Amino acid sequence: MKIIVKYTSFFLIFSLATLLFSCGGPSRTVQRISDSSKTDISGRWNDTDARIAAESMIHDVLSQNWLSHFKEQEQRPPVIMISTISNQTSEHINTNVISHEMEKELLNSGQVRFVASAQERKEVRDERLDQQSYASVESAKELANEQAADFILRGTLTSVEDVFDSERVVLYKLYMELVDVESNTKVWINTKNIKKYIHQDHYRL
């Protein structure tokens, strides 16, 4: 009788252990995908949105009359600097991703010249100051010899959200403007809208 109870207890423990191991946590699969593929998992602002918005904005700003007018008057391409893009959404969004995408589009266009941002210029200026003390006279770069920007490109990212039950709609609005540094006049304004519909199924017990 004791032997039967012993083996029965062992069988129950073994069955319970097998059940626990078979009901372990969810598995995870990772695979490489193209960095240019359009992905959207959470429904929040992501790198695809930044790329789409930047490409749309730069294509539009370079197709407007201000560019041809400047080239005719100055006989050279304009020099542009991208200022801070302010994030006024409820999400934590690194707007530098948008700025960098715009920098890439501007440089690749070949229609304008581009200068570093305020933070980047500070780093370069610190390097030039160091060179005055530690580099040879022949190799040290001159002070006060920077290329000034003719225009500043700046913008704001906002969002409007509508939620009901398991459905959510988010409208992202990227507002950008190009400002003439000398006259402080706006020569170009545009808004890029990205609208998302998100449906979240309820958990099933």
Protein backbone atom coordinates (compact mmCIF):
# COMPACT_ATOMS: atom_id res chain seq x y z
CA MET A 1 0.00 0.00 0.00
CA LYS A 2 2.83 2.36 0.91
CA ILE A 3 4.52 1.61 -2.41
CA ILE A 4 1.36 2.48 -4.32
CA VAL A 5 0.99 5.79 -2.45
CA LYS A 6 4.68 6.55 -2.99
CA TYR A 7 4.49 6.00 -6.75
CA THR A 8 1.19 7.88 -6.97
CA SER A 9 2.74 10.90 -5.22
CA PHE A 10 5.76 10.74 -7.51
CA PHE A 11 3.54 10.60 -10.57
CA LEU A 12 1.52 13.62 -9.38
CA ILE A 13 4.68 15.65 -8.71
CA PHE A 14 6.14 14.72 -12.10
CA SER A 15 2.90 15.63 -13.89
CA LEU A 16 2.70 18.98 -12.08
CA ALA A 17 6.30 19.84 -12.96
CA THR A 18 5.71 18.94 -16.61
CA LEU A 19 2.60 21.14 -16.65
CA LEU A 20 4.44 24.09 -15.13
CA PHE A 21 7.30 23.88 -17.63
CA SER A 22 4.92 23.56 -20.57
CA CYS A 23 3.05 26.71 -19.41
CA GLY A 24 6.13 28.89 -19.22
CA GLY A 25 6.37 32.53 -20.32
CA PRO A 26 5.88 33.68 -23.92
CA SER A 27 8.67 33.02 -26.40
CA ARG A 28 10.40 35.82 -28.31
CA THR A 29 11.51 35.83 -31.93
CA VAL A 30 13.88 38.46 -33.38
CA GLN A 31 14.66 38.88 -37.06
CA ARG A 32 16.45 41.48 -39.15
CA ILE A 33 14.30 43.69 -41.36
CA SER A 34 15.11 46.48 -43.78
CA ASP A 35 15.62 49.85 -42.07
CA SER A 36 13.49 51.42 -44.81
CA SER A 37 10.50 49.13 -44.22
CA LYS A 38 7.34 50.71 -42.85
CA THR A 39 6.67 49.28 -39.40
CA ASP A 40 4.07 50.28 -36.84
CA ILE A 41 3.61 48.17 -33.70
CA SER A 42 2.45 50.48 -30.91
CA GLY A 43 0.65 53.09 -33.01
CA ARG A 44 2.85 55.85 -31.57
CA TRP A 45 5.14 58.16 -33.55
CA ASN A 46 8.11 56.20 -34.89
CA ASP A 47 11.04 56.35 -37.31
CA THR A 48 8.82 55.66 -40.32
CA ASP A 49 6.69 58.70 -39.49
CA ALA A 50 9.83 60.84 -39.08
CA ARG A 51 11.14 59.72 -42.47
CA ILE A 52 7.81 60.28 -44.27
CA ALA A 53 7.35 63.73 -42.71
CA ALA A 54 10.92 64.84 -43.43
CA GLU A 55 10.85 63.70 -47.06
CA SER A 56 7.51 65.44 -47.65
CA MET A 57 8.61 68.70 -46.04
CA ILE A 58 11.98 68.97 -47.78
CA HIS A 59 10.49 68.09 -51.16
CA ASP A 60 7.97 70.90 -50.74
CA VAL A 61 10.34 73.56 -49.39
CA LEU A 62 12.80 72.99 -52.26
CA SER A 63 10.05 73.28 -54.88
CA GLN A 64 8.83 76.75 -53.88
CA ASN A 65 9.66 80.15 -55.41
CA TRP A 66 11.82 81.44 -52.55
CA LEU A 67 14.69 79.19 -53.69
CA SER A 68 14.82 80.41 -57.30
CA HIS A 69 14.41 84.03 -56.19
CA PHE A 70 17.35 83.76 -53.79
CA LYS A 71 19.61 82.15 -56.39
CA GLU A 72 18.76 84.85 -58.93
CA GLN A 73 19.51 87.67 -56.51
CA GLU A 74 22.60 86.24 -54.78
CA GLN A 75 24.01 84.08 -57.59
CA ARG A 76 24.67 81.23 -55.16
CA PRO A 77 22.72 78.53 -53.32
CA PRO A 78 21.23 79.52 -49.94
CA VAL A 79 22.74 78.41 -46.64
CA ILE A 80 20.23 76.76 -44.30
CA MET A 81 20.35 75.77 -40.65
CA ILE A 82 17.81 73.49 -38.96
CA SER A 83 16.77 74.79 -35.57
CA THR A 84 15.05 72.85 -32.79
CA ILE A 85 11.81 71.03 -33.61
CA SER A 86 9.64 71.41 -30.52
CA ASN A 87 7.75 68.35 -29.29
CA GLN A 88 4.34 69.42 -27.97
CA THR A 89 2.73 65.98 -28.02
CA SER A 90 1.93 63.88 -24.95
CA GLU A 91 4.54 61.33 -26.05
CA HIS A 92 8.27 61.27 -25.45
CA ILE A 93 9.54 61.83 -29.00
CA ASN A 94 13.14 62.46 -29.97
CA THR A 95 12.63 65.16 -32.61
CA ASN A 96 16.34 65.02 -33.48
CA VAL A 97 15.40 62.03 -35.64
CA ILE A 98 13.20 64.34 -37.75
CA SER A 99 15.97 66.96 -37.94
CA HIS A 100 18.54 64.42 -39.06
CA GLU A 101 16.22 63.06 -41.75
CA MET A 102 15.72 66.62 -43.02
CA GLU A 103 19.47 67.27 -43.00
CA LYS A 104 19.96 64.18 -45.14
CA GLU A 105 17.30 65.24 -47.63
CA LEU A 106 18.68 68.79 -47.85
CA LEU A 107 22.27 67.69 -48.40
CA ASN A 108 21.33 65.02 -50.94
CA SER A 109 19.28 67.52 -52.94
CA GLY A 110 22.40 69.50 -53.92
CA GLN A 111 20.28 72.67 -54.11
CA VAL A 112 21.31 74.29 -50.84
CA ARG A 113 24.28 74.52 -48.50
CA PHE A 114 23.93 73.45 -44.93
CA VAL A 115 25.48 74.68 -41.67
CA ALA A 116 25.66 72.95 -38.32
CA SER A 117 23.12 73.50 -35.57
CA ALA A 118 23.77 75.74 -32.55
CA GLN A 119 24.98 72.83 -30.38
CA GLU A 120 27.16 71.43 -33.15
CA ARG A 121 28.68 74.86 -33.83
CA LYS A 122 29.59 75.22 -30.15
CA GLU A 123 31.54 71.96 -30.27
CA VAL A 124 33.39 73.07 -33.42
CA ARG A 125 34.15 76.49 -31.91
CA ASP A 126 35.60 74.85 -28.81
CA GLU A 127 37.83 72.77 -31.08
CA ARG A 128 39.02 75.90 -32.96
CA LEU A 129 39.82 77.63 -29.68
CA ASP A 130 41.89 74.64 -28.58
CA GLN A 131 43.75 74.73 -31.87
CA GLN A 132 44.86 78.32 -31.22
CA SER A 133 46.82 77.05 -28.20
CA TYR A 134 47.85 73.53 -29.13
CA ALA A 135 47.96 73.18 -32.92
CA SER A 136 50.69 74.40 -35.24
CA VAL A 137 50.28 77.83 -36.84
CA GLU A 138 50.05 76.24 -40.27
CA SER A 139 47.27 73.79 -39.37
CA ALA A 140 45.19 75.83 -36.88
CA LYS A 141 41.88 77.00 -38.32
CA GLU A 142 41.04 80.70 -38.26
CA LEU A 143 38.54 82.22 -35.86
CA ALA A 144 35.55 84.29 -37.00
CA ASN A 145 35.56 82.65 -40.40
CA GLU A 146 32.28 80.73 -40.24
CA GLN A 147 29.66 80.55 -42.96
CA ALA A 148 26.54 82.35 -41.73
CA ALA A 149 23.07 80.91 -42.36
CA ASP A 150 20.71 82.74 -44.70
CA PHE A 151 17.64 80.84 -43.50
CA ILE A 152 16.57 78.90 -40.41
CA LEU A 153 14.21 75.94 -40.72
CA ARG A 154 12.25 75.38 -37.51
CA GLY A 155 9.09 73.60 -36.48
CA THR A 156 6.68 72.09 -33.97
CA LEU A 157 5.23 68.60 -33.62
CA THR A 158 1.76 68.36 -32.03
CA SER A 159 -0.87 65.64 -31.72
CA VAL A 160 -4.64 65.38 -31.26
CA GLU A 161 -6.06 62.15 -29.84
CA ASP A 162 -9.61 60.78 -29.93
CA VAL A 163 -10.32 57.68 -27.83
CA PHE A 164 -13.43 55.59 -27.27
CA ASP A 165 -13.50 52.12 -25.73
CA SER A 166 -10.99 49.98 -27.67
CA GLU A 167 -10.50 52.42 -30.54
CA ARG A 168 -8.10 55.33 -30.81
CA VAL A 169 -7.32 57.87 -33.52
CA VAL A 170 -4.18 60.03 -33.31
CA LEU A 171 -3.48 62.95 -35.63
CA TYR A 172 0.15 64.12 -35.67
CA LYS A 173 0.79 67.58 -37.16
CA LEU A 174 4.31 68.63 -38.06
CA TYR A 175 4.39 72.38 -38.67
CA MET A 176 7.53 73.78 -40.31
CA GLU A 177 8.57 77.28 -41.36
CA LEU A 178 11.57 78.77 -43.13
CA VAL A 179 12.69 82.15 -41.79
CA ASP A 180 14.98 84.68 -43.48
CA VAL A 181 17.66 85.43 -40.86
CA GLU A 182 18.38 88.98 -42.06
CA SER A 183 14.80 90.23 -42.43
CA ASN A 184 13.15 87.83 -39.94
CA THR A 185 10.41 87.15 -42.51
CA LYS A 186 8.84 83.76 -43.15
CA VAL A 187 9.38 82.67 -46.75
CA TRP A 188 7.78 79.21 -46.51
CA ILE A 189 5.27 77.42 -44.25
CA ASN A 190 3.83 73.93 -44.46
CA THR A 191 2.13 71.28 -42.33
CA LYS A 192 2.43 67.51 -42.70
CA ASN A 193 -0.37 65.44 -41.14
CA ILE A 194 -0.01 61.77 -40.21
CA LYS A 195 -3.21 60.15 -38.96
CA LYS A 196 -3.36 56.74 -37.29
CA TYR A 197 -6.24 54.46 -36.34
CA ILE A 198 -5.48 51.98 -33.55
CA HIS A 199 -7.81 49.18 -32.47
CA GLN A 200 -6.95 47.24 -29.31
CA ASP A 201 -8.73 43.91 -28.72
CA HIS A 202 -9.85 43.23 -25.17
CA TYR A 203 -8.04 40.52 -23.27
CA ARG A 204 -9.82 37.19 -23.33
CA LEU A 205 -9.81 35.13 -20.16
